[in-house]
Amino acid sequence: MTTILTVDDEQHIQDMLRIFLEAEGFEVRQAFSGEQCLAYFADSLLQPDLILLDIAMPDMDGVELCRRLRELYDHPVLFLSGNTRSDQRLLSLQAGGDDYLTKPLDHLELVARVRSHLRWSTLLSKYKKPEALGRRLSFPGLEIDLDRLNVTVQGEPVTLVAKELHLLLLLAQSPSRVYHPRQLYDLIWNDQAAYSPAIIKTQIYNLRKKIESESPGFKYIHTVKGFGYRFEPLTLD
């Protein structure tokens, strides 16, 4: 059974999430603080398939908790918050979150987003199995194993969260093609109503930071002013 860990300090929110999720057949585990969430990972041999994470908690900010979780967890993390400000959304995504839902929650949207992220996460897990065939995309300083969905920069593995990896695969499989941010959002998030250019900008920033900072002398993702982004490995002079 698919397990979801809900992290929120408010009992009524936890109760509501449990009702929504268990009605859809999910197994729900609960943590009421950041420390309790981290203790769950220390004590449990089985990781949850997805985390729903509140931002405003008394002992540890959800953004900081997400940063710490990303050191030991690579499945989807979805933020829940009553804060609708775009800067808070960007901070959450920069910390490693995969999505950001605002309270009060629409339970149909919540379940739809959970299922969408679980489908992508399941696909990643499937292709990371050892029987993968060995198809690769190779560029100067960068290699992408298309079957295992592993990324190496200068021969060293780089950990990407689901949306970063999806974005890199999309760009790298069509070198020199320019994608408008709206195209990228529709192809990766598949949610036209919630489109925000800032989300794409943040994910591009995160991806560049991970693959280009580890490969000095190379630039892979380029901004085409007024149009969007393209992938083209270039050597920096």
C-alpha atoms as a PDB file:
ATOM      1  CA  MET A   1       0.000   0.000   0.000  1.00  0.00           C
ATOM      2  CA  THR A   2       1.221   3.497  -0.845  1.00  0.00           C
ATOM      3  CA  THR A   3       2.282   5.372   2.290  1.00  0.00           C
ATOM      4  CA  ILE A   4       2.014   9.130   2.755  1.00  0.00           C
ATOM      5  CA  LEU A   5       3.620  10.996   5.649  1.00  0.00           C
ATOM      6  CA  THR A   6       1.742  14.144   6.672  1.00  0.00           C
ATOM      7  CA  VAL A   7       3.736  16.727   8.648  1.00  0.00           C
ATOM      8  CA  ASP A   8       1.628  19.429  10.306  1.00  0.00           C
ATOM      9  CA  ASP A   9       1.360  20.714  13.880  1.00  0.00           C
ATOM     10  CA  GLU A  10      -2.412  21.282  13.711  1.00  0.00           C
ATOM     11  CA  GLN A  11      -4.556  18.314  14.730  1.00  0.00           C
ATOM     12  CA  HIS A  12      -7.587  19.328  12.646  1.00  0.00           C
ATOM     13  CA  ILE A  13      -5.450  19.556   9.490  1.00  0.00           C
ATOM     14  CA  GLN A  14      -3.976  16.136  10.199  1.00  0.00           C
ATOM     15  CA  ASP A  15      -7.455  14.696  10.751  1.00  0.00           C
ATOM     16  CA  MET A  16      -8.710  16.196   7.499  1.00  0.00           C
ATOM     17  CA  LEU A  17      -5.737  14.897   5.511  1.00  0.00           C
ATOM     18  CA  ARG A  18      -6.170  11.426   6.963  1.00  0.00           C
ATOM     19  CA  ILE A  19      -9.842  11.374   5.938  1.00  0.00           C
ATOM     20  CA  PHE A  20      -9.081  12.562   2.390  1.00  0.00           C
ATOM     21  CA  LEU A  21      -6.164  10.194   1.833  1.00  0.00           C
ATOM     22  CA  GLU A  22      -7.485   7.049   3.489  1.00  0.00           C
ATOM     23  CA  ALA A  23     -10.686   7.413   1.450  1.00  0.00           C
ATOM     24  CA  GLU A  24      -8.458   7.103  -1.640  1.00  0.00           C
ATOM     25  CA  GLY A  25      -6.756   3.968  -0.354  1.00  0.00           C
ATOM     26  CA  PHE A  26      -3.521   5.492   0.950  1.00  0.00           C
ATOM     27  CA  GLU A  27      -1.868   4.519   4.221  1.00  0.00           C
ATOM     28  CA  VAL A  28      -1.241   7.629   6.319  1.00  0.00           C
ATOM     29  CA  ARG A  29       1.549   8.235   8.817  1.00  0.00           C
ATOM     30  CA  GLN A  30       1.630  11.437  10.859  1.00  0.00           C
ATOM     31  CA  ALA A  31       4.290  13.716  12.314  1.00  0.00           C
ATOM     32  CA  PHE A  32       3.358  16.830  14.274  1.00  0.00           C
ATOM     33  CA  SER A  33       6.727  18.612  14.190  1.00  0.00           C
ATOM     34  CA  GLY A  34       9.947  18.789  12.238  1.00  0.00           C
ATOM     35  CA  GLU A  35      11.834  16.814  14.855  1.00  0.00           C
ATOM     36  CA  GLN A  36       9.167  14.110  14.882  1.00  0.00           C
ATOM     37  CA  CYS A  37       9.424  13.887  11.107  1.00  0.00           C
ATOM     38  CA  LEU A  38      13.197  13.431  11.229  1.00  0.00           C
ATOM     39  CA  ALA A  39      12.787  10.874  14.012  1.00  0.00           C
ATOM     40  CA  TYR A  40      10.433   8.920  11.742  1.00  0.00           C
ATOM     41  CA  PHE A  41      13.247   8.517   9.216  1.00  0.00           C
ATOM     42  CA  ALA A  42      15.704   7.535  11.931  1.00  0.00           C
ATOM     43  CA  ASP A  43      13.393   4.889  13.401  1.00  0.00           C
ATOM     44  CA  SER A  44      11.617   3.478  10.347  1.00  0.00           C
ATOM     45  CA  LEU A  45      13.152   1.099   7.823  1.00  0.00           C
ATOM     46  CA  LEU A  46      10.517   2.001   5.231  1.00  0.00           C
ATOM     47  CA  GLN A  47      10.377   5.476   3.726  1.00  0.00           C
ATOM     48  CA  PRO A  48       7.025   7.006   2.797  1.00  0.00           C
ATOM     49  CA  ASP A  49       6.172   7.249  -0.885  1.00  0.00           C
ATOM     50  CA  LEU A  50       5.314  10.943  -0.559  1.00  0.00           C
ATOM     51  CA  ILE A  51       5.398  13.685   2.086  1.00  0.00           C
ATOM     52  CA  LEU A  52       2.829  16.432   2.631  1.00  0.00           C
ATOM     53  CA  LEU A  53       4.668  19.144   4.546  1.00  0.00           C
ATOM     54  CA  ASP A  54       3.331  22.221   6.322  1.00  0.00           C
ATOM     55  CA  ILE A  55       5.542  25.315   6.295  1.00  0.00           C
ATOM     56  CA  ALA A  56       4.600  27.130   9.510  1.00  0.00           C
ATOM     57  CA  MET A  57       5.521  24.845  12.394  1.00  0.00           C
ATOM     58  CA  PRO A  58       6.735  26.007  15.818  1.00  0.00           C
ATOM     59  CA  ASP A  59       9.914  23.953  16.187  1.00  0.00           C
ATOM     60  CA  MET A  60      11.291  23.977  12.643  1.00  0.00           C
ATOM     61  CA  ASP A  61      10.336  25.882   9.523  1.00  0.00           C
ATOM     62  CA  GLY A  62       9.044  23.558   6.809  1.00  0.00           C
ATOM     63  CA  VAL A  63      11.492  24.974   4.275  1.00  0.00           C
ATOM     64  CA  GLU A  64      14.459  24.140   6.507  1.00  0.00           C
ATOM     65  CA  LEU A  65      12.994  20.712   7.213  1.00  0.00           C
ATOM     66  CA  CYS A  66      12.728  20.055   3.479  1.00  0.00           C
ATOM     67  CA  ARG A  67      16.397  20.952   2.992  1.00  0.00           C
ATOM     68  CA  ARG A  68      17.336  18.426   5.664  1.00  0.00           C
ATOM     69  CA  LEU A  69      15.016  15.787   4.245  1.00  0.00           C
ATOM     70  CA  ARG A  70      16.594  16.113   0.813  1.00  0.00           C
ATOM     71  CA  GLU A  71      19.849  14.785   2.253  1.00  0.00           C
ATOM     72  CA  LEU A  72      18.175  11.409   2.817  1.00  0.00           C
ATOM     73  CA  TYR A  73      14.948  11.335   0.805  1.00  0.00           C
ATOM     74  CA  ASP A  74      14.334  11.609  -2.950  1.00  0.00           C
ATOM     75  CA  HIS A  75      10.592  10.968  -3.243  1.00  0.00           C
ATOM     76  CA  PRO A  76       8.042  13.773  -3.761  1.00  0.00           C
ATOM     77  CA  VAL A  77       7.600  16.493  -1.136  1.00  0.00           C
ATOM     78  CA  LEU A  78       4.480  18.646  -1.466  1.00  0.00           C
ATOM     79  CA  PHE A  79       4.193  21.806   0.624  1.00  0.00           C
ATOM     80  CA  LEU A  80       0.919  22.856   2.261  1.00  0.00           C
ATOM     81  CA  SER A  81       0.601  26.484   3.328  1.00  0.00           C
ATOM     82  CA  GLY A  82      -1.846  29.287   3.925  1.00  0.00           C
ATOM     83  CA  ASN A  83       0.764  31.699   2.537  1.00  0.00           C
ATOM     84  CA  THR A  84      -0.063  32.627  -1.064  1.00  0.00           C
ATOM     85  CA  ARG A  85       2.940  34.918  -1.606  1.00  0.00           C
ATOM     86  CA  SER A  86       5.075  34.043  -4.616  1.00  0.00           C
ATOM     87  CA  ASP A  87       8.347  34.490  -2.694  1.00  0.00           C
ATOM     88  CA  GLN A  88       7.295  31.803  -0.199  1.00  0.00           C
ATOM     89  CA  ARG A  89       6.410  29.470  -3.070  1.00  0.00           C
ATOM     90  CA  LEU A  90       9.827  30.052  -4.651  1.00  0.00           C
ATOM     91  CA  LEU A  91      11.686  29.463  -1.374  1.00  0.00           C
ATOM     92  CA  SER A  92       9.826  26.187  -0.952  1.00  0.00           C
ATOM     93  CA  LEU A  93      10.718  24.961  -4.429  1.00  0.00           C
ATOM     94  CA  GLN A  94      14.338  26.063  -4.029  1.00  0.00           C
ATOM     95  CA  ALA A  95      14.525  23.997  -0.843  1.00  0.00           C
ATOM     96  CA  GLY A  96      13.665  20.869  -2.826  1.00  0.00           C
ATOM     97  CA  GLY A  97       9.875  20.837  -2.796  1.00  0.00           C
ATOM     98  CA  ASP A  98       8.085  19.365  -5.791  1.00  0.00           C
ATOM     99  CA  ASP A  99       4.821  21.272  -5.465  1.00  0.00           C
ATOM    100  CA  TYR A 100       3.059  23.917  -3.365  1.00  0.00           C
ATOM    101  CA  LEU A 101      -0.618  23.793  -2.409  1.00  0.00           C
ATOM    102  CA  THR A 102      -2.391  26.603  -0.594  1.00  0.00           C
ATOM    103  CA  LYS A 103      -4.863  26.259   2.251  1.00  0.00           C
ATOM    104  CA  PRO A 104      -7.790  25.928   2.498  1.00  0.00           C
ATOM    105  CA  LEU A 105      -7.283  22.724   0.573  1.00  0.00           C
ATOM    106  CA  ASP A 106      -9.527  21.495  -2.195  1.00  0.00           C
ATOM    107  CA  HIS A 107      -9.508  17.767  -1.495  1.00  0.00           C
ATOM    108  CA  LEU A 108     -10.038  16.829  -5.161  1.00  0.00           C
ATOM    109  CA  GLU A 109      -7.054  18.936  -6.238  1.00  0.00           C
ATOM    110  CA  LEU A 110      -4.970  17.563  -3.375  1.00  0.00           C
ATOM    111  CA  VAL A 111      -5.653  13.957  -4.352  1.00  0.00           C
ATOM    112  CA  ALA A 112      -5.071  14.708  -8.056  1.00  0.00           C
ATOM    113  CA  ARG A 113      -1.689  16.298  -7.354  1.00  0.00           C
ATOM    114  CA  VAL A 114      -0.671  13.497  -5.005  1.00  0.00           C
ATOM    115  CA  ARG A 115      -1.496  10.886  -7.638  1.00  0.00           C
ATOM    116  CA  SER A 116       0.325  12.849 -10.341  1.00  0.00           C
ATOM    117  CA  HIS A 117       3.532  13.049  -8.301  1.00  0.00           C
ATOM    118  CA  LEU A 118       3.287   9.392  -7.300  1.00  0.00           C
ATOM    119  CA  ARG A 119       3.002   8.341 -10.957  1.00  0.00           C
ATOM    120  CA  TRP A 120       6.208  10.190 -11.818  1.00  0.00           C
ATOM    121  CA  SER A 121       7.989   8.878  -8.735  1.00  0.00           C
ATOM    122  CA  THR A 122       6.967   5.312  -9.615  1.00  0.00           C
ATOM    123  CA  LEU A 123       8.336   5.801 -13.118  1.00  0.00           C
ATOM    124  CA  LEU A 124      11.667   6.976 -11.715  1.00  0.00           C
ATOM    125  CA  SER A 125      11.881   3.958  -9.408  1.00  0.00           C
ATOM    126  CA  LYS A 126      11.042   1.585 -12.248  1.00  0.00           C
ATOM    127  CA  TYR A 127      13.787   2.885 -14.482  1.00  0.00           C
ATOM    128  CA  LYS A 128      16.380   2.897 -11.721  1.00  0.00           C
ATOM    129  CA  LYS A 129      16.234  -0.898 -11.439  1.00  0.00           C
ATOM    130  CA  PRO A 130      19.469  -2.723 -12.279  1.00  0.00           C
ATOM    131  CA  GLU A 131      18.081  -4.481 -15.352  1.00  0.00           C
ATOM    132  CA  ALA A 132      18.078  -1.203 -17.277  1.00  0.00           C
ATOM    133  CA  LEU A 133      19.591  -1.440 -20.756  1.00  0.00           C
ATOM    134  CA  GLY A 134      22.245   1.245 -20.837  1.00  0.00           C
ATOM    135  CA  ARG A 135      21.030   4.006 -23.181  1.00  0.00           C
ATOM    136  CA  ARG A 136      22.888   7.213 -22.447  1.00  0.00           C
ATOM    137  CA  LEU A 137      23.096  10.849 -23.406  1.00  0.00           C
ATOM    138  CA  SER A 138      26.720  11.956 -23.263  1.00  0.00           C
ATOM    139  CA  PHE A 139      27.897  15.553 -23.343  1.00  0.00           C
ATOM    140  CA  PRO A 140      31.195  17.170 -22.318  1.00  0.00           C
ATOM    141  CA  GLY A 141      31.370  16.745 -18.547  1.00  0.00           C
ATOM    142  CA  LEU A 142      27.783  15.478 -18.306  1.00  0.00           C
ATOM    143  CA  GLU A 143      26.234  12.042 -18.766  1.00  0.00           C
ATOM    144  CA  ILE A 144      22.596  10.982 -18.400  1.00  0.00           C
ATOM    145  CA  ASP A 145      21.680   7.308 -18.095  1.00  0.00           C
ATOM    146  CA  LEU A 146      18.232   7.205 -19.693  1.00  0.00           C
ATOM    147  CA  ASP A 147      17.390   3.762 -18.363  1.00  0.00           C
ATOM    148  CA  ARG A 148      18.473   4.150 -14.756  1.00  0.00           C
ATOM    149  CA  LEU A 149      17.748   7.896 -14.800  1.00  0.00           C
ATOM    150  CA  ASN A 150      21.084   8.659 -13.178  1.00  0.00           C
ATOM    151  CA  VAL A 151      23.046  11.854 -13.838  1.00  0.00           C
ATOM    152  CA  THR A 152      26.807  12.234 -13.477  1.00  0.00           C
ATOM    153  CA  VAL A 153      28.847  15.428 -13.760  1.00  0.00           C
ATOM    154  CA  GLN A 154      32.592  15.031 -14.253  1.00  0.00           C
ATOM    155  CA  GLY A 155      32.123  11.355 -13.382  1.00  0.00           C
ATOM    156  CA  GLU A 156      30.455  12.087 -10.041  1.00  0.00           C
ATOM    157  CA  PRO A 157      26.773  11.326  -9.352  1.00  0.00           C
ATOM    158  CA  VAL A 158      24.448  14.295  -8.942  1.00  0.00           C
ATOM    159  CA  THR A 159      21.165  13.975  -7.066  1.00  0.00           C
ATOM    160  CA  LEU A 160      18.207  15.641  -8.754  1.00  0.00           C
ATOM    161  CA  VAL A 161      14.666  15.734  -7.428  1.00  0.00           C
ATOM    162  CA  ALA A 162      11.896  14.518  -9.743  1.00  0.00           C
ATOM    163  CA  LYS A 163      11.009  17.801 -11.435  1.00  0.00           C
ATOM    164  CA  GLU A 164      14.666  18.760 -11.963  1.00  0.00           C
ATOM    165  CA  LEU A 165      15.365  15.402 -13.587  1.00  0.00           C
ATOM    166  CA  HIS A 166      12.262  15.602 -15.764  1.00  0.00           C
ATOM    167  CA  LEU A 167      13.297  19.096 -16.870  1.00  0.00           C
ATOM    168  CA  LEU A 168      16.849  18.007 -17.704  1.00  0.00           C
ATOM    169  CA  LEU A 169      15.631  14.988 -19.692  1.00  0.00           C
ATOM    170  CA  LEU A 170      13.228  17.113 -21.698  1.00  0.00           C
ATOM    171  CA  LEU A 171      15.843  19.732 -22.570  1.00  0.00           C
ATOM    172  CA  ALA A 172      18.778  17.374 -23.157  1.00  0.00           C
ATOM    173  CA  GLN A 173      16.897  15.092 -25.540  1.00  0.00           C
ATOM    174  CA  SER A 174      16.315  18.033 -27.893  1.00  0.00           C
ATOM    175  CA  PRO A 175      19.593  19.993 -27.918  1.00  0.00           C
ATOM    176  CA  SER A 176      19.341  23.550 -29.263  1.00  0.00           C
ATOM    177  CA  ARG A 177      15.527  23.502 -29.223  1.00  0.00           C
ATOM    178  CA  VAL A 178      14.096  26.543 -27.459  1.00  0.00           C
ATOM    179  CA  TYR A 179      11.279  25.842 -24.997  1.00  0.00           C
ATOM    180  CA  HIS A 180       9.001  28.597 -23.774  1.00  0.00           C
ATOM    181  CA  PRO A 181       8.441  28.451 -19.980  1.00  0.00           C
ATOM    182  CA  ARG A 182       4.752  27.750 -20.610  1.00  0.00           C
ATOM    183  CA  GLN A 183       5.667  24.733 -22.764  1.00  0.00           C
ATOM    184  CA  LEU A 184       7.938  23.385 -20.043  1.00  0.00           C
ATOM    185  CA  TYR A 185       5.275  23.854 -17.396  1.00  0.00           C
ATOM    186  CA  ASP A 186       2.568  22.146 -19.444  1.00  0.00           C
ATOM    187  CA  LEU A 187       4.832  19.213 -20.338  1.00  0.00           C
ATOM    188  CA  ILE A 188       6.180  18.633 -16.825  1.00  0.00           C
ATOM    189  CA  TRP A 189       3.453  19.797 -14.439  1.00  0.00           C
ATOM    190  CA  ASN A 190       0.485  19.232 -16.775  1.00  0.00           C
ATOM    191  CA  ASP A 191      -1.531  21.832 -14.864  1.00  0.00           C
ATOM    192  CA  GLN A 192      -2.375  24.801 -17.072  1.00  0.00           C
ATOM    193  CA  ALA A 193      -4.496  26.586 -14.475  1.00  0.00           C
ATOM    194  CA  ALA A 194      -1.609  26.942 -12.007  1.00  0.00           C
ATOM    195  CA  TYR A 195       1.053  28.122 -14.492  1.00  0.00           C
ATOM    196  CA  SER A 196       3.663  30.494 -13.108  1.00  0.00           C
ATOM    197  CA  PRO A 197       6.842  31.555 -14.979  1.00  0.00           C
ATOM    198  CA  ALA A 198       8.552  31.948 -11.597  1.00  0.00           C
ATOM    199  CA  ILE A 199       8.243  28.214 -10.925  1.00  0.00           C
ATOM    200  CA  ILE A 200      10.107  27.373 -14.139  1.00  0.00           C
ATOM    201  CA  LYS A 201      12.712  30.049 -13.390  1.00  0.00           C
ATOM    202  CA  THR A 202      13.314  28.523  -9.961  1.00  0.00           C
ATOM    203  CA  GLN A 203      13.640  24.971 -11.296  1.00  0.00           C
ATOM    204  CA  ILE A 204      16.059  26.130 -14.021  1.00  0.00           C
ATOM    205  CA  TYR A 205      18.115  27.917 -11.352  1.00  0.00           C
ATOM    206  CA  ASN A 206      18.222  24.793  -9.179  1.00  0.00           C
ATOM    207  CA  LEU A 207      19.169  22.584 -12.122  1.00  0.00           C
ATOM    208  CA  ARG A 208      21.921  24.914 -13.307  1.00  0.00           C
ATOM    209  CA  LYS A 209      23.327  25.139  -9.801  1.00  0.00           C
ATOM    210  CA  LYS A 210      23.576  21.361  -9.519  1.00  0.00           C
ATOM    211  CA  ILE A 211      25.030  20.487 -12.925  1.00  0.00           C
ATOM    212  CA  GLU A 212      27.029  23.591 -13.849  1.00  0.00           C
ATOM    213  CA  SER A 213      28.622  24.414 -10.502  1.00  0.00           C
ATOM    214  CA  GLU A 214      30.071  20.890 -10.466  1.00  0.00           C
ATOM    215  CA  SER A 215      31.402  21.239 -14.010  1.00  0.00           C
ATOM    216  CA  PRO A 216      33.382  24.498 -14.194  1.00  0.00           C
ATOM    217  CA  GLY A 217      34.182  25.547 -17.724  1.00  0.00           C
ATOM    218  CA  PHE A 218      30.923  24.226 -19.163  1.00  0.00           C
ATOM    219  CA  LYS A 219      27.496  25.777 -19.614  1.00  0.00           C
ATOM    220  CA  TYR A 220      24.551  23.576 -20.533  1.00  0.00           C
ATOM    221  CA  ILE A 221      21.307  25.512 -20.120  1.00  0.00           C
ATOM    222  CA  HIS A 222      20.946  28.875 -21.817  1.00  0.00           C
ATOM    223  CA  THR A 223      18.352  31.610 -21.499  1.00  0.00           C
ATOM    224  CA  VAL A 224      17.028  32.870 -24.829  1.00  0.00           C
ATOM    225  CA  LYS A 225      15.771  36.319 -23.896  1.00  0.00           C
ATOM    226  CA  GLY A 226      12.111  36.807 -24.672  1.00  0.00           C
ATOM    227  CA  PHE A 227      11.623  33.174 -25.717  1.00  0.00           C
ATOM    228  CA  GLY A 228      12.670  30.635 -23.107  1.00  0.00           C
ATOM    229  CA  TYR A 229      15.442  28.091 -22.529  1.00  0.00           C
ATOM    230  CA  ARG A 230      17.559  25.724 -24.583  1.00  0.00           C
ATOM    231  CA  PHE A 231      20.081  22.980 -23.830  1.00  0.00           C
ATOM    232  CA  GLU A 232      23.424  23.259 -25.619  1.00  0.00           C
ATOM    233  CA  PRO A 233      26.755  22.247 -24.038  1.00  0.00           C
ATOM    234  CA  LEU A 234      29.317  25.002 -24.536  1.00  0.00           C
ATOM    235  CA  THR A 235      32.851  25.439 -23.274  1.00  0.00           C
ATOM    236  CA  LEU A 236      33.437  28.699 -21.442  1.00  0.00           C
ATOM    237  CA  ASP A 237      36.595  30.564 -22.353  1.00  0.00           C
END
